Amino acid sequence: MKLTRGEAETIYDAGKERVVEALLEMSVGLEQIEVLKRRIEELERQLKQNSHAEPQSQTAVERRIPQAGTEEPAETDGAAQWGAGRA
């Protein structure tokens, strides 16, 4: 959430304690951002390693092509495939 100038001035006008409280809240948020950035960097490093170590996975089209001799009987009527004519 981006703080507007008006909101910042309201915090400032509330006094020293409110300003300090707001700054401490922001520092916690910044710390969380740093933790998440490090986690992203680690995951990207792992992804890069895995993409070099493993063969590329099959595409969706390759997965749909049945192996020879393992085909299921094909529907000859395209309408039957979509449920047309069913009661």
Protein backbone atom coordinates (compact mmCIF):
# COMPACT_ATOMS: atom_id res chain seq x y z
CA MET A 1 0.00 0.00 0.00
CA LYS A 2 1.42 3.32 -1.03
CA LEU A 3 1.20 6.05 1.58
CA THR A 4 -0.18 9.35 0.29
CA ARG A 5 1.26 12.70 1.27
CA GLY A 6 -1.90 13.48 3.21
CA GLU A 7 -1.65 10.22 5.17
CA ALA A 8 2.02 10.92 5.92
CA GLU A 9 1.16 14.39 7.17
CA THR A 10 -1.59 12.94 9.38
CA ILE A 11 0.94 10.58 10.95
CA TYR A 12 3.40 13.45 11.42
CA ASP A 13 0.76 15.67 12.99
CA ALA A 14 -0.13 12.86 15.43
CA GLY A 15 3.22 13.36 17.10
CA LYS A 16 6.56 11.75 17.72
CA GLU A 17 5.19 8.44 19.08
CA ARG A 18 2.96 7.88 16.05
CA VAL A 19 5.82 8.69 13.65
CA VAL A 20 8.14 6.25 15.43
CA GLU A 21 5.42 3.60 15.41
CA ALA A 22 4.84 4.07 11.67
CA LEU A 23 8.58 3.86 10.94
CA LEU A 24 8.90 0.64 12.95
CA GLU A 25 5.96 -0.88 11.06
CA MET A 26 7.60 0.06 7.77
CA SER A 27 10.91 -1.47 8.82
CA VAL A 28 9.16 -4.79 9.51
CA GLY A 29 7.64 -4.65 6.02
CA LEU A 30 11.03 -3.90 4.47
CA GLU A 31 12.56 -6.83 6.34
CA GLN A 32 9.84 -9.13 4.99
CA ILE A 33 10.53 -7.87 1.47
CA GLU A 34 14.23 -8.70 1.86
CA VAL A 35 13.40 -12.23 3.06
CA LEU A 36 11.10 -12.75 0.06
CA LYS A 37 13.71 -11.39 -2.36
CA ARG A 38 16.27 -13.86 -1.03
CA ARG A 39 13.73 -16.68 -1.36
CA ILE A 40 13.00 -15.72 -4.97
CA GLU A 41 16.73 -15.66 -5.76
CA GLU A 42 17.12 -19.13 -4.23
CA LEU A 43 14.18 -20.54 -6.17
CA GLU A 44 15.47 -19.01 -9.41
CA ARG A 45 18.89 -20.56 -8.75
CA GLN A 46 17.29 -23.96 -8.16
CA LEU A 47 15.17 -23.63 -11.29
CA LYS A 48 18.23 -22.77 -13.36
CA GLN A 49 20.11 -25.80 -11.99
CA ASN A 50 17.17 -28.13 -12.60
CA SER A 51 16.60 -26.89 -16.14
CA HIS A 52 20.21 -27.73 -17.01
CA ALA A 53 20.24 -31.09 -15.21
CA GLU A 54 17.00 -32.63 -16.47
CA PRO A 55 15.83 -33.26 -20.02
CA GLN A 56 13.03 -31.06 -21.23
CA SER A 57 9.59 -32.39 -20.34
CA GLN A 58 7.14 -33.45 -22.99
CA THR A 59 4.85 -30.86 -24.47
CA ALA A 60 1.13 -31.16 -23.91
CA VAL A 61 0.69 -32.46 -27.47
CA GLU A 62 3.29 -35.18 -26.97
CA ARG A 63 1.57 -36.36 -23.78
CA ARG A 64 -1.77 -36.70 -25.59
CA ILE A 65 -0.39 -38.92 -28.36
CA PRO A 66 -1.05 -42.53 -27.27
CA GLN A 67 1.62 -45.20 -27.52
CA ALA A 68 1.24 -47.68 -30.39
CA GLY A 69 -1.05 -50.53 -29.38
CA THR A 70 -2.46 -48.70 -26.36
CA GLU A 71 -5.08 -46.63 -28.12
CA GLU A 72 -8.62 -46.65 -26.84
CA PRO A 73 -11.39 -47.23 -29.38
CA ALA A 74 -12.05 -43.97 -31.16
CA GLU A 75 -15.52 -42.42 -31.39
CA THR A 76 -16.56 -42.42 -35.03
CA ASP A 77 -19.33 -39.91 -34.47
CA GLY A 78 -17.98 -36.55 -33.30
CA ALA A 79 -21.38 -35.71 -31.80
CA ALA A 80 -21.14 -38.67 -29.43
CA GLN A 81 -17.93 -37.23 -28.06
CA TRP A 82 -19.72 -34.06 -27.01
CA GLY A 83 -22.75 -35.77 -25.57
CA ALA A 84 -25.12 -34.90 -28.41
CA GLY A 85 -28.04 -37.26 -28.72
CA ARG A 86 -27.78 -38.51 -25.14
CA ALA A 87 -30.95 -38.61 -23.12
